Amino acid sequence: MIGIICAMQIEADGILALCENKQTSQKYGMTFTQGTLNGKEVVVVVCGVGKVNAAMCAVTLINDYRPELVINSGVAGALSPVVSIGDIAIGSKAVEHDMNVTALGDKQGEVSFPNGKVMFFECDKNAARLLETVCADLPDTKTVRGIIASGDVFISDRKKRLLINDRFGAIACEMEGAAIGHVCYCCNVPFAIIRAISDDLDENKGMDFVKFCELAAEKTVFAIDSFTKAQ
């Protein structure tokens, strides 16, 4: 079974429309839709925006449905000119860019665990490779694999975006992926992130995000559909 987590309904609607044999369950204010996509068992859920929502959703998904893979799908903002509006960013690893205990000597982005510290949560290489392969069929779309940065803030300021890129080497930013990766790391479940770029370094205001969000979401829906076909 594949678990698919989206932050917003617009990111999930296209995937849900393709699913068959659907059954829904309400858990903690979230709707989990279990069904089949191209003959593969999937669970699709909208978690809401932000890292806490995403972490709650990931824990519930893993505990209740036992997925073999969790995919975070949706849109993101560019942190680098290597990706532009409509391009695809596939996670190689994820980082919580707003995790900051530097006052106590940690590096920014480091998360403390009882047995040590982790800055980057590694995405599943096989899933990332397959997502990259299926995205090659998207017309007029560049696909780049790289670091995804997540934080509880919508960053529209170009200088702040470039600072995150400089600090972590990240190519895209959003508000959920690293939290899902954090949970999957703790639960030993493979995860992947695929994000279509809805706003780049030049078109990065809230109105631009809304304007391009639907177009970007269509591309991630195509990728998820093609990914399950190729499984």
Protein backbone atom coordinates (compact mmCIF):
# COMPACT_ATOMS: atom_id res chain seq x y z
CA MET A 1 0.00 0.00 0.00
CA ILE A 2 1.12 3.53 -0.82
CA GLY A 3 0.18 6.45 1.42
CA ILE A 4 -0.21 9.81 -0.33
CA ILE A 5 -0.27 12.97 1.78
CA CYS A 6 -1.20 16.38 0.37
CA ALA A 7 -1.40 19.63 2.29
CA MET A 8 -4.28 21.14 0.33
CA GLN A 9 -7.43 19.79 -1.27
CA ILE A 10 -6.45 21.18 -4.68
CA GLU A 11 -3.35 18.96 -4.56
CA ALA A 12 -5.36 15.81 -3.78
CA ASP A 13 -8.52 16.23 -5.87
CA GLY A 14 -6.98 15.00 -9.11
CA ILE A 15 -5.55 11.90 -7.43
CA LEU A 16 -8.84 11.13 -5.70
CA ALA A 17 -10.70 11.45 -9.01
CA LEU A 18 -8.55 8.67 -10.48
CA CYS A 19 -9.01 6.28 -7.55
CA GLU A 20 -11.50 3.40 -7.60
CA ASN A 21 -13.19 1.33 -4.87
CA LYS A 22 -13.02 4.27 -2.49
CA GLN A 23 -13.84 4.11 1.20
CA THR A 24 -13.37 7.03 3.57
CA SER A 25 -12.61 7.28 7.27
CA GLN A 26 -12.50 10.39 9.46
CA LYS A 27 -9.57 10.55 11.86
CA TYR A 28 -8.62 13.60 13.90
CA GLY A 29 -10.40 15.92 11.50
CA MET A 30 -8.75 14.43 8.41
CA THR A 31 -10.41 12.33 5.70
CA PHE A 32 -8.46 9.19 4.76
CA THR A 33 -9.61 7.76 1.42
CA GLN A 34 -8.61 4.16 0.84
CA GLY A 35 -8.94 2.70 -2.65
CA THR A 36 -7.06 1.54 -5.71
CA LEU A 37 -5.11 3.51 -8.30
CA ASN A 38 -4.09 1.56 -11.38
CA GLY A 39 -4.68 -1.60 -9.38
CA LYS A 40 -2.42 -0.54 -6.50
CA GLU A 41 -3.79 -0.04 -3.01
CA VAL A 42 -3.49 3.57 -1.90
CA VAL A 43 -4.60 5.84 0.92
CA VAL A 44 -4.95 9.52 0.08
CA VAL A 45 -5.30 12.20 2.75
CA VAL A 46 -5.24 15.99 3.01
CA CYS A 47 -3.31 16.90 6.14
CA GLY A 48 -3.65 20.68 6.19
CA VAL A 49 -0.85 23.22 6.00
CA GLY A 50 2.18 23.10 8.28
CA LYS A 51 4.56 20.69 9.96
CA VAL A 52 2.41 19.71 12.95
CA ASN A 53 -0.57 18.87 10.73
CA ALA A 54 1.72 16.88 8.45
CA ALA A 55 3.34 14.98 11.33
CA MET A 56 -0.02 14.11 12.92
CA CYS A 57 -1.24 12.87 9.57
CA ALA A 58 1.86 10.79 8.87
CA VAL A 59 1.74 9.08 12.29
CA THR A 60 -1.95 8.24 11.86
CA LEU A 61 -1.41 6.99 8.31
CA ILE A 62 1.47 4.75 9.33
CA ASN A 63 -0.19 3.36 12.45
CA ASP A 64 -3.61 2.69 10.91
CA TYR A 65 -2.74 1.69 7.33
CA ARG A 66 0.84 0.35 7.43
CA PRO A 67 1.96 1.75 4.06
CA GLU A 68 5.06 0.42 2.38
CA LEU A 69 5.82 3.92 1.11
CA VAL A 70 4.60 7.40 1.98
CA ILE A 71 4.59 10.04 -0.76
CA ASN A 72 4.19 13.73 -0.02
CA SER A 73 2.75 15.33 -3.16
CA GLY A 74 1.91 18.94 -3.89
CA VAL A 75 3.36 22.31 -4.81
CA ALA A 76 6.40 24.28 -3.63
CA GLY A 77 8.29 27.50 -4.11
CA ALA A 78 11.65 27.68 -5.83
CA LEU A 79 14.77 28.42 -3.80
CA SER A 80 17.06 28.34 -6.80
CA PRO A 81 16.94 29.36 -10.46
CA VAL A 82 17.44 25.69 -11.40
CA VAL A 83 13.65 25.28 -11.17
CA SER A 84 10.90 27.58 -12.45
CA ILE A 85 7.10 27.64 -12.40
CA GLY A 86 5.72 24.35 -13.66
CA ASP A 87 8.95 22.40 -13.13
CA ILE A 88 9.14 19.38 -10.82
CA ALA A 89 11.28 19.06 -7.70
CA ILE A 90 11.81 15.53 -6.40
CA GLY A 91 13.27 15.15 -2.95
CA SER A 92 16.66 13.53 -2.42
CA LYS A 93 16.38 14.47 1.24
CA ALA A 94 14.43 16.92 3.38
CA VAL A 95 15.38 19.44 6.05
CA GLU A 96 13.41 21.50 8.58
CA HIS A 97 14.89 24.90 7.74
CA ASP A 98 13.20 26.63 10.69
CA MET A 99 14.55 24.20 13.31
CA ASN A 100 16.93 26.45 15.22
CA VAL A 101 18.76 25.56 18.42
CA THR A 102 21.92 27.38 17.39
CA ALA A 103 21.91 29.27 20.71
CA LEU A 104 22.80 25.95 22.36
CA GLY A 105 25.46 25.01 19.83
CA ASP A 106 23.47 22.99 17.28
CA LYS A 107 23.58 23.68 13.58
CA GLN A 108 20.45 25.23 12.12
CA GLY A 109 18.19 22.48 10.84
CA GLU A 110 19.50 19.82 13.23
CA VAL A 111 16.86 17.77 15.03
CA SER A 112 17.86 16.18 18.34
CA PHE A 113 16.90 12.58 19.10
CA PRO A 114 17.75 10.50 22.19
CA ASN A 115 20.50 8.75 20.21
CA GLY A 116 21.88 11.70 18.26
CA LYS A 117 21.11 14.50 15.84
CA VAL A 118 19.84 14.50 12.26
CA MET A 119 19.73 17.41 9.85
CA PHE A 120 18.66 15.72 6.63
CA PHE A 121 16.00 13.02 6.30
CA GLU A 122 16.88 10.79 3.35
CA CYS A 123 14.17 10.11 0.76
CA ASP A 124 13.80 6.62 -0.65
CA LYS A 125 16.17 6.41 -3.61
CA ASN A 126 14.13 3.88 -5.61
CA ALA A 127 10.93 5.90 -5.31
CA ALA A 128 12.74 9.13 -6.20
CA ARG A 129 14.33 7.49 -9.22
CA LEU A 130 10.99 6.16 -10.49
CA LEU A 131 9.26 9.51 -9.94
CA GLU A 132 12.03 11.19 -11.89
CA THR A 133 11.62 8.68 -14.72
CA VAL A 134 7.85 9.10 -15.09
CA CYS A 135 8.12 12.89 -14.96
CA ALA A 136 10.26 12.75 -18.10
CA ASP A 137 6.97 12.29 -19.99
CA LEU A 138 5.67 15.69 -18.88
CA PRO A 139 5.95 18.17 -21.77
CA ASP A 140 7.88 21.40 -21.29
CA THR A 141 8.82 20.41 -17.75
CA LYS A 142 12.23 20.21 -16.14
CA THR A 143 12.59 17.64 -13.38
CA VAL A 144 15.29 18.20 -10.76
CA ARG A 145 16.14 15.97 -7.81
CA GLY A 146 17.44 17.79 -4.77
CA ILE A 147 16.94 18.86 -1.16
CA ILE A 148 13.49 20.05 -0.09
CA ALA A 149 13.31 22.52 2.80
CA SER A 150 10.23 22.72 5.03
CA GLY A 151 9.19 25.27 7.62
CA ASP A 152 6.13 26.77 9.25
CA VAL A 153 6.25 29.96 7.21
CA PHE A 154 5.30 30.91 3.64
CA ILE A 155 8.46 32.57 2.35
CA SER A 156 7.90 35.15 -0.35
CA ASP A 157 11.01 37.28 0.19
CA ARG A 158 13.63 36.50 -2.46
CA LYS A 159 16.56 37.14 -0.10
CA LYS A 160 15.17 34.74 2.50
CA ARG A 161 14.67 32.07 -0.16
CA LEU A 162 18.23 32.46 -1.38
CA LEU A 163 19.48 32.28 2.21
CA ILE A 164 17.80 28.88 2.70
CA ASN A 165 19.31 27.70 -0.57
CA ASP A 166 22.74 28.88 0.52
CA ARG A 167 22.47 27.33 3.99
CA PHE A 168 21.09 23.91 3.04
CA GLY A 169 21.57 23.57 -0.72
CA ALA A 170 17.79 23.18 -1.07
CA ILE A 171 16.06 23.73 -4.40
CA ALA A 172 12.47 24.15 -3.16
CA CYS A 173 10.60 25.11 -0.02
CA GLU A 174 7.22 24.12 1.37
CA MET A 175 5.64 23.48 4.76
CA GLU A 176 5.17 19.71 5.23
CA GLY A 177 7.67 17.39 3.53
CA ALA A 178 10.43 17.35 6.14
CA ALA A 179 7.91 16.78 8.94
CA ILE A 180 6.60 13.75 7.08
CA GLY A 181 10.19 12.65 6.53
CA HIS A 182 10.89 13.15 10.24
CA VAL A 183 8.01 10.82 11.18
CA CYS A 184 8.94 8.26 8.53
CA TYR A 185 12.52 8.27 9.79
CA CYS A 186 11.32 7.53 13.32
CA CYS A 187 8.92 4.82 12.10
CA ASN A 188 11.39 3.30 9.62
CA VAL A 189 9.03 3.78 6.66
CA PRO A 190 10.36 4.84 3.23
CA PHE A 191 9.13 8.20 1.99
CA ALA A 192 9.29 10.36 -1.11
CA ILE A 193 8.54 13.99 -1.92
CA ILE A 194 7.34 15.32 -5.26
CA ARG A 195 6.54 19.00 -5.63
CA ALA A 196 5.58 21.04 -8.68
CA ILE A 197 6.90 24.58 -8.58
CA SER A 198 4.03 27.05 -8.20
CA ASP A 199 6.15 30.16 -7.61
CA ASP A 200 9.75 30.92 -8.49
CA LEU A 201 12.29 33.50 -7.39
CA ASP A 202 10.67 36.20 -9.52
CA GLU A 203 6.97 35.26 -9.21
CA ASN A 204 6.75 34.55 -5.50
CA LYS A 205 3.94 36.56 -3.96
CA GLY A 206 0.80 35.01 -2.50
CA MET A 207 -1.25 35.93 -5.58
CA ASP A 208 1.25 34.18 -7.84
CA PHE A 209 1.08 31.05 -5.70
CA VAL A 210 -2.71 30.89 -6.04
CA LYS A 211 -2.51 31.69 -9.75
CA PHE A 212 -0.15 28.83 -10.60
CA CYS A 213 -1.16 26.32 -7.93
CA GLU A 214 -3.76 24.53 -10.05
CA LEU A 215 -1.41 24.14 -13.02
CA ALA A 216 1.35 22.79 -10.78
CA ALA A 217 -0.98 20.35 -9.02
CA GLU A 218 -2.02 18.84 -12.37
CA LYS A 219 1.58 17.84 -12.97
CA THR A 220 1.97 16.05 -9.64
CA VAL A 221 -1.29 14.20 -10.29
CA PHE A 222 0.12 12.99 -13.62
CA ALA A 223 3.30 11.88 -11.86
CA ILE A 224 1.50 9.96 -9.11
CA ASP A 225 -0.76 8.28 -11.68
CA SER A 226 2.24 7.27 -13.80
CA PHE A 227 4.20 6.16 -10.72
CA THR A 228 1.51 3.67 -9.67
CA LYS A 229 1.28 2.36 -13.24
CA ALA A 230 5.02 1.70 -13.23
CA GLN A 231 5.04 -0.07 -9.86
